[in-house]
Amino acid sequence: MSARKSELTDRPNKRRAGSGAGGLTVAESRPQVVDGKLIGARCTRCGHVIAQHDVPWCPDCYGAVERAAFEPVGTVWAATTARIPVGRWKPPFGLAYVDVVDGPRVLVHVPADEDIPLRGSTIEFVTEGGDLVERELAMGGAQ
């Protein structure tokens, strides 16, 4: 099945109704570490990296994408402490945007408050309960 075209441009339509409604399947929005690798995608045309592996095309150039695997380690770009409950996460909990080495930027759960990683820190992460979590936090460290 080819991607539907937008009525306003010649670009593919980003809205996907899901396979149940006859459209493309809806991608899992949460990045995952599987067998020690962050599974994602890379555009075969422009090289853009994506944290999800089951996207139908590149969000930058609409080119074809191929599955890619990245080391689950990166540099903290920014971090904050959340003080409201979100899903299974009880406040306070930390969140950090992490620039994966040679990969995409991902959101990772990290320790909160005084234990929050500083900008420029290097952290490793794993998947726990469907979310990316800093390795030390996942192993029972501070939250």
N, C-alpha and C. Protein backbone atom coordinates (compact mmCIF):
# COMPACT_ATOMS: atom_id res chain seq x y z
N MET A 1 0.85 -1.18 0.00
CA MET A 1 0.00 0.00 0.00
C MET A 1 0.90 1.24 0.00
N SER A 2 0.66 2.15 -0.90
CA SER A 2 1.45 3.37 -0.93
C SER A 2 0.84 4.40 0.00
N ALA A 3 1.67 5.34 0.44
CA ALA A 3 1.21 6.38 1.36
C ALA A 3 0.23 7.32 0.67
N ARG A 4 -0.81 7.72 1.39
CA ARG A 4 -1.77 8.68 0.84
C ARG A 4 -1.11 10.03 0.70
N LYS A 5 -1.51 10.76 -0.31
CA LYS A 5 -0.99 12.10 -0.52
C LYS A 5 -1.90 13.11 0.15
N SER A 6 -1.30 14.18 0.63
CA SER A 6 -2.08 15.27 1.22
C SER A 6 -2.89 15.95 0.12
N GLU A 7 -4.03 16.49 0.49
CA GLU A 7 -4.85 17.22 -0.48
C GLU A 7 -4.25 18.60 -0.79
N LEU A 8 -3.37 19.09 0.10
CA LEU A 8 -2.82 20.43 -0.07
C LEU A 8 -1.44 20.46 -0.71
N THR A 9 -0.68 19.36 -0.58
CA THR A 9 0.66 19.31 -1.16
C THR A 9 0.86 17.96 -1.82
N ASP A 10 2.04 17.78 -2.42
CA ASP A 10 2.34 16.49 -3.02
C ASP A 10 3.07 15.57 -2.03
N ARG A 11 3.17 16.00 -0.76
CA ARG A 11 3.83 15.19 0.26
C ARG A 11 2.88 14.14 0.82
N PRO A 12 3.43 13.03 1.31
CA PRO A 12 2.57 12.03 1.95
C PRO A 12 1.87 12.63 3.16
N ASN A 13 0.68 12.14 3.43
CA ASN A 13 -0.11 12.60 4.56
C ASN A 13 0.42 11.97 5.83
N LYS A 14 0.75 12.77 6.84
CA LYS A 14 1.26 12.25 8.10
C LYS A 14 0.16 11.62 8.95
N ARG A 15 -1.08 11.95 8.70
CA ARG A 15 -2.17 11.39 9.49
C ARG A 15 -2.41 9.95 9.05
N ARG A 16 -2.34 9.07 10.03
CA ARG A 16 -2.53 7.65 9.74
C ARG A 16 -3.70 7.14 10.56
N ALA A 17 -4.71 6.65 9.91
CA ALA A 17 -5.91 6.20 10.60
C ALA A 17 -5.70 4.87 11.32
N GLY A 18 -4.66 4.15 11.02
CA GLY A 18 -4.43 2.85 11.62
C GLY A 18 -4.98 1.75 10.73
N SER A 19 -4.40 0.56 10.85
CA SER A 19 -4.79 -0.54 9.98
C SER A 19 -6.25 -0.94 10.18
N GLY A 20 -6.80 -0.76 11.38
CA GLY A 20 -8.19 -1.07 11.64
C GLY A 20 -9.14 -0.24 10.80
N ALA A 21 -8.71 0.94 10.38
CA ALA A 21 -9.54 1.83 9.57
C ALA A 21 -9.09 1.84 8.12
N GLY A 22 -8.25 0.87 7.75
CA GLY A 22 -7.80 0.77 6.36
C GLY A 22 -6.59 1.60 6.03
N GLY A 23 -5.97 2.24 7.04
CA GLY A 23 -4.79 3.06 6.80
C GLY A 23 -3.51 2.33 7.18
N LEU A 24 -2.43 3.07 7.27
CA LEU A 24 -1.16 2.50 7.70
C LEU A 24 -1.22 2.19 9.19
N THR A 25 -0.44 1.24 9.62
CA THR A 25 -0.39 0.94 11.05
C THR A 25 0.19 2.14 11.78
N VAL A 26 -0.26 2.37 12.99
CA VAL A 26 0.23 3.48 13.79
C VAL A 26 1.50 3.04 14.51
N ALA A 27 2.56 3.82 14.37
CA ALA A 27 3.85 3.47 14.95
C ALA A 27 3.82 3.54 16.47
N GLU A 28 4.53 2.63 17.14
CA GLU A 28 4.73 2.72 18.59
C GLU A 28 5.56 3.97 18.83
N SER A 29 5.06 4.86 19.65
CA SER A 29 5.74 6.15 19.82
C SER A 29 6.92 6.08 20.78
N ARG A 30 6.99 5.06 21.62
CA ARG A 30 8.08 4.99 22.59
C ARG A 30 9.26 4.20 22.04
N PRO A 31 10.44 4.81 22.04
CA PRO A 31 11.64 4.09 21.61
C PRO A 31 11.89 2.90 22.53
N GLN A 32 12.53 1.86 22.00
CA GLN A 32 12.77 0.64 22.77
C GLN A 32 14.22 0.19 22.63
N VAL A 33 14.77 -0.31 23.76
CA VAL A 33 16.06 -0.98 23.74
C VAL A 33 15.77 -2.47 23.70
N VAL A 34 16.25 -3.14 22.66
CA VAL A 34 16.04 -4.57 22.47
C VAL A 34 17.40 -5.23 22.28
N ASP A 35 17.67 -6.26 23.07
CA ASP A 35 18.95 -6.98 23.00
C ASP A 35 20.13 -6.03 23.09
N GLY A 36 20.04 -5.04 23.98
CA GLY A 36 21.15 -4.13 24.21
C GLY A 36 21.32 -3.02 23.20
N LYS A 37 20.39 -2.85 22.28
CA LYS A 37 20.49 -1.78 21.27
C LYS A 37 19.19 -0.98 21.22
N LEU A 38 19.31 0.34 21.04
CA LEU A 38 18.15 1.19 20.79
C LEU A 38 17.76 0.96 19.34
N ILE A 39 16.53 0.50 19.13
CA ILE A 39 16.07 0.19 17.79
C ILE A 39 15.41 1.44 17.20
N GLY A 40 15.86 1.84 16.05
CA GLY A 40 15.32 3.02 15.39
C GLY A 40 15.37 2.87 13.89
N ALA A 41 15.47 3.98 13.20
CA ALA A 41 15.52 3.96 11.74
C ALA A 41 16.43 5.09 11.25
N ARG A 42 16.90 4.92 10.04
CA ARG A 42 17.74 5.94 9.39
C ARG A 42 17.22 6.11 7.96
N CYS A 43 17.12 7.35 7.53
CA CYS A 43 16.66 7.63 6.16
C CYS A 43 17.75 7.23 5.17
N THR A 44 17.33 6.54 4.12
CA THR A 44 18.29 6.11 3.10
C THR A 44 18.66 7.25 2.16
N ARG A 45 17.86 8.32 2.16
CA ARG A 45 18.11 9.47 1.28
C ARG A 45 18.94 10.54 1.98
N CYS A 46 18.48 11.03 3.15
CA CYS A 46 19.15 12.17 3.80
C CYS A 46 19.93 11.78 5.06
N GLY A 47 19.78 10.55 5.55
CA GLY A 47 20.53 10.11 6.71
C GLY A 47 19.92 10.49 8.05
N HIS A 48 18.76 11.13 8.06
CA HIS A 48 18.09 11.52 9.31
C HIS A 48 17.84 10.28 10.17
N VAL A 49 18.12 10.39 11.48
CA VAL A 49 17.90 9.26 12.39
C VAL A 49 16.61 9.48 13.17
N ILE A 50 15.91 8.38 13.44
CA ILE A 50 14.60 8.41 14.07
C ILE A 50 14.60 7.39 15.19
N ALA A 51 13.98 7.73 16.32
CA ALA A 51 13.97 6.85 17.48
C ALA A 51 12.96 5.71 17.34
N GLN A 52 11.99 5.82 16.46
CA GLN A 52 11.03 4.74 16.25
C GLN A 52 11.46 3.94 15.02
N HIS A 53 11.24 2.62 15.07
CA HIS A 53 11.70 1.79 13.97
C HIS A 53 10.63 1.51 12.93
N ASP A 54 9.36 1.73 13.26
CA ASP A 54 8.30 1.34 12.33
C ASP A 54 7.58 2.53 11.70
N VAL A 55 8.34 3.57 11.39
CA VAL A 55 7.76 4.72 10.69
C VAL A 55 7.77 4.43 9.19
N PRO A 56 6.77 4.92 8.46
CA PRO A 56 6.68 4.58 7.04
C PRO A 56 7.62 5.37 6.13
N TRP A 57 8.09 6.54 6.57
CA TRP A 57 8.97 7.36 5.75
C TRP A 57 9.70 8.36 6.65
N CYS A 58 10.70 9.01 6.08
CA CYS A 58 11.49 10.01 6.81
C CYS A 58 10.65 11.26 7.06
N PRO A 59 10.63 11.76 8.30
CA PRO A 59 9.86 12.96 8.58
C PRO A 59 10.50 14.24 8.01
N ASP A 60 11.76 14.17 7.60
CA ASP A 60 12.42 15.34 7.02
C ASP A 60 12.25 15.44 5.51
N CYS A 61 12.54 14.34 4.80
CA CYS A 61 12.53 14.40 3.34
C CYS A 61 11.53 13.46 2.69
N TYR A 62 10.82 12.69 3.50
CA TYR A 62 9.84 11.71 3.03
C TYR A 62 10.45 10.57 2.23
N GLY A 63 11.77 10.37 2.41
CA GLY A 63 12.44 9.26 1.76
C GLY A 63 12.20 7.95 2.49
N ALA A 64 12.69 6.87 1.90
CA ALA A 64 12.57 5.54 2.50
C ALA A 64 13.46 5.46 3.73
N VAL A 65 13.04 4.67 4.71
CA VAL A 65 13.84 4.47 5.92
C VAL A 65 14.20 2.99 6.04
N GLU A 66 15.33 2.74 6.71
CA GLU A 66 15.73 1.38 7.02
C GLU A 66 15.98 1.27 8.50
N ARG A 67 15.76 0.09 9.03
CA ARG A 67 15.95 -0.16 10.45
C ARG A 67 17.40 0.08 10.83
N ALA A 68 17.62 0.66 12.01
CA ALA A 68 18.97 0.94 12.49
C ALA A 68 19.02 0.63 13.99
N ALA A 69 20.21 0.32 14.47
CA ALA A 69 20.41 0.04 15.90
C ALA A 69 21.51 0.96 16.42
N PHE A 70 21.27 1.51 17.61
CA PHE A 70 22.20 2.46 18.21
C PHE A 70 22.57 1.99 19.62
N GLU A 71 23.76 2.34 20.06
CA GLU A 71 24.15 2.03 21.43
C GLU A 71 23.26 2.84 22.38
N PRO A 72 22.74 2.24 23.44
CA PRO A 72 21.86 2.97 24.37
C PRO A 72 22.65 3.82 25.36
N VAL A 73 23.41 4.74 24.83
CA VAL A 73 24.22 5.65 25.62
C VAL A 73 24.25 7.00 24.90
N GLY A 74 24.26 8.08 25.68
CA GLY A 74 24.30 9.39 25.05
C GLY A 74 24.59 10.49 26.05
N THR A 75 24.54 11.70 25.56
CA THR A 75 24.85 12.89 26.33
C THR A 75 23.57 13.63 26.68
N VAL A 76 23.45 14.02 27.95
CA VAL A 76 22.26 14.76 28.39
C VAL A 76 22.26 16.13 27.73
N TRP A 77 21.19 16.43 27.01
CA TRP A 77 21.01 17.74 26.37
C TRP A 77 20.30 18.69 27.33
N ALA A 78 19.29 18.18 28.05
CA ALA A 78 18.56 18.96 29.05
C ALA A 78 17.86 17.99 29.99
N ALA A 79 17.65 18.41 31.24
CA ALA A 79 16.96 17.55 32.21
C ALA A 79 16.12 18.41 33.14
N THR A 80 15.05 17.81 33.66
CA THR A 80 14.17 18.52 34.58
C THR A 80 13.52 17.53 35.54
N THR A 81 12.97 18.06 36.61
CA THR A 81 12.21 17.25 37.56
C THR A 81 10.73 17.57 37.39
N ALA A 82 9.93 16.51 37.18
CA ALA A 82 8.48 16.67 37.05
C ALA A 82 7.85 16.51 38.44
N ARG A 83 6.88 17.36 38.73
CA ARG A 83 6.25 17.34 40.06
C ARG A 83 4.76 17.02 40.00
N ILE A 84 4.33 16.40 38.90
CA ILE A 84 2.95 15.94 38.77
C ILE A 84 2.99 14.47 38.36
N PRO A 85 1.98 13.67 38.73
CA PRO A 85 1.98 12.27 38.32
C PRO A 85 1.68 12.14 36.82
N VAL A 86 2.38 11.22 36.19
CA VAL A 86 2.15 10.93 34.77
C VAL A 86 2.19 9.42 34.61
N GLY A 87 1.03 8.84 34.28
CA GLY A 87 0.97 7.38 34.14
C GLY A 87 1.41 6.69 35.41
N ARG A 88 2.35 5.78 35.28
CA ARG A 88 2.84 5.04 36.44
C ARG A 88 3.88 5.80 37.25
N TRP A 89 4.31 6.95 36.74
CA TRP A 89 5.37 7.71 37.39
C TRP A 89 4.79 8.65 38.44
N LYS A 90 5.27 8.50 39.68
CA LYS A 90 4.82 9.32 40.80
C LYS A 90 5.84 10.44 41.02
N PRO A 91 5.39 11.66 41.32
CA PRO A 91 6.33 12.77 41.51
C PRO A 91 7.09 12.63 42.83
N PRO A 92 8.27 13.22 42.90
CA PRO A 92 9.00 13.83 41.77
C PRO A 92 9.75 12.75 40.98
N PHE A 93 9.85 12.95 39.68
CA PHE A 93 10.67 12.06 38.85
C PHE A 93 11.39 12.92 37.82
N GLY A 94 12.54 12.45 37.40
CA GLY A 94 13.36 13.21 36.46
C GLY A 94 13.18 12.74 35.03
N LEU A 95 13.33 13.68 34.11
CA LEU A 95 13.29 13.41 32.68
C LEU A 95 14.48 14.12 32.03
N ALA A 96 15.11 13.45 31.10
CA ALA A 96 16.23 14.06 30.38
C ALA A 96 16.12 13.76 28.89
N TYR A 97 16.39 14.77 28.09
CA TYR A 97 16.58 14.55 26.66
C TYR A 97 18.04 14.15 26.49
N VAL A 98 18.25 13.02 25.83
CA VAL A 98 19.60 12.46 25.66
C VAL A 98 19.90 12.35 24.18
N ASP A 99 21.03 12.92 23.77
CA ASP A 99 21.50 12.79 22.39
C ASP A 99 22.30 11.49 22.29
N VAL A 100 21.70 10.49 21.66
CA VAL A 100 22.33 9.18 21.52
C VAL A 100 23.53 9.31 20.59
N VAL A 101 24.62 8.63 20.95
CA VAL A 101 25.82 8.64 20.12
C VAL A 101 25.46 8.15 18.73
N ASP A 102 25.69 8.98 17.70
CA ASP A 102 25.39 8.68 16.30
C ASP A 102 23.93 8.28 16.10
N GLY A 103 23.04 8.84 16.93
CA GLY A 103 21.63 8.46 16.83
C GLY A 103 20.71 9.62 17.14
N PRO A 104 19.44 9.30 17.42
CA PRO A 104 18.43 10.34 17.66
C PRO A 104 18.50 10.89 19.08
N ARG A 105 17.72 11.91 19.35
CA ARG A 105 17.52 12.43 20.70
C ARG A 105 16.30 11.73 21.29
N VAL A 106 16.43 11.19 22.51
CA VAL A 106 15.34 10.45 23.14
C VAL A 106 15.08 11.00 24.55
N LEU A 107 13.87 10.74 25.04
CA LEU A 107 13.47 11.14 26.39
C LEU A 107 13.69 9.95 27.32
N VAL A 108 14.46 10.17 28.39
CA VAL A 108 14.83 9.10 29.31
C VAL A 108 14.45 9.50 30.73
N HIS A 109 13.88 8.57 31.49
CA HIS A 109 13.59 8.79 32.90
C HIS A 109 14.90 8.69 33.67
N VAL A 110 15.16 9.68 34.53
CA VAL A 110 16.41 9.76 35.29
C VAL A 110 16.07 10.10 36.74
N PRO A 111 17.07 10.02 37.65
CA PRO A 111 16.81 10.43 39.03
C PRO A 111 16.37 11.89 39.08
N ALA A 112 15.64 12.25 40.12
CA ALA A 112 15.09 13.61 40.27
C ALA A 112 15.92 14.46 41.21
N ASP A 113 15.57 15.75 41.22
CA ASP A 113 16.12 16.75 42.14
C ASP A 113 17.64 16.76 42.17
N GLU A 114 18.25 16.59 43.36
CA GLU A 114 19.71 16.74 43.47
C GLU A 114 20.48 15.64 42.75
N ASP A 115 19.82 14.53 42.40
CA ASP A 115 20.49 13.43 41.69
C ASP A 115 20.32 13.52 40.17
N ILE A 116 19.64 14.56 39.69
CA ILE A 116 19.39 14.68 38.25
C ILE A 116 20.72 14.88 37.52
N PRO A 117 20.91 14.21 36.38
CA PRO A 117 22.17 14.38 35.64
C PRO A 117 22.30 15.78 35.06
N LEU A 118 23.50 16.29 35.03
CA LEU A 118 23.77 17.62 34.50
C LEU A 118 23.90 17.58 32.98
N ARG A 119 23.63 18.73 32.36
CA ARG A 119 23.82 18.87 30.92
C ARG A 119 25.26 18.48 30.58
N GLY A 120 25.40 17.64 29.56
CA GLY A 120 26.73 17.19 29.16
C GLY A 120 27.14 15.87 29.78
N SER A 121 26.40 15.40 30.78
CA SER A 121 26.70 14.11 31.40
C SER A 121 26.42 12.98 30.41
N THR A 122 27.16 11.90 30.53
CA THR A 122 26.92 10.72 29.72
C THR A 122 26.15 9.71 30.55
N ILE A 123 25.06 9.19 29.99
CA ILE A 123 24.28 8.18 30.69
C ILE A 123 23.97 7.01 29.76
N GLU A 124 23.75 5.85 30.37
CA GLU A 124 23.29 4.67 29.66
C GLU A 124 21.84 4.44 30.06
N PHE A 125 21.06 3.82 29.17
CA PHE A 125 19.65 3.60 29.48
C PHE A 125 19.19 2.25 28.96
N VAL A 126 18.08 1.79 29.53
CA VAL A 126 17.45 0.53 29.17
C VAL A 126 15.95 0.77 29.02
N THR A 127 15.22 -0.24 28.55
CA THR A 127 13.77 -0.16 28.53
C THR A 127 13.23 -0.86 29.76
N GLU A 128 12.33 -0.18 30.47
CA GLU A 128 11.68 -0.76 31.64
C GLU A 128 10.21 -0.34 31.61
N GLY A 129 9.31 -1.30 31.58
CA GLY A 129 7.88 -0.98 31.54
C GLY A 129 7.48 -0.19 30.32
N GLY A 130 8.21 -0.32 29.21
CA GLY A 130 7.90 0.39 27.98
C GLY A 130 8.55 1.74 27.84
N ASP A 131 9.18 2.23 28.92
CA ASP A 131 9.84 3.54 28.90
C ASP A 131 11.35 3.38 28.91
N LEU A 132 12.06 4.38 28.38
CA LEU A 132 13.51 4.40 28.50
C LEU A 132 13.85 4.93 29.89
N VAL A 133 14.74 4.22 30.59
CA VAL A 133 15.09 4.56 31.97
C VAL A 133 16.60 4.48 32.11
N GLU A 134 17.19 5.46 32.81
CA GLU A 134 18.63 5.41 33.04
C GLU A 134 18.97 4.09 33.72
N ARG A 135 20.05 3.45 33.29
CA ARG A 135 20.43 2.12 33.77
C ARG A 135 20.49 2.05 35.30
N GLU A 136 21.13 3.01 35.94
CA GLU A 136 21.24 2.97 37.41
C GLU A 136 19.89 3.10 38.09
N LEU A 137 19.00 3.90 37.54
CA LEU A 137 17.65 4.05 38.10
C LEU A 137 16.88 2.75 37.94
N ALA A 138 17.04 2.09 36.80
CA ALA A 138 16.35 0.84 36.55
C ALA A 138 16.84 -0.27 37.48
N MET A 139 18.09 -0.15 37.94
CA MET A 139 18.67 -1.17 38.81
C MET A 139 18.40 -0.87 40.29
N GLY A 140 17.46 0.04 40.54
CA GLY A 140 17.07 0.33 41.93
C GLY A 140 17.76 1.54 42.53
N GLY A 141 18.34 2.40 41.72
CA GLY A 141 18.99 3.61 42.22
C GLY A 141 17.97 4.63 42.69
N ALA A 142 18.40 5.83 42.97
CA ALA A 142 17.53 6.91 43.46
C ALA A 142 16.45 7.27 42.45
N GLN A 143 15.30 7.66 42.96
CA GLN A 143 14.25 8.19 42.07
C GLN A 143 13.74 9.49 42.60
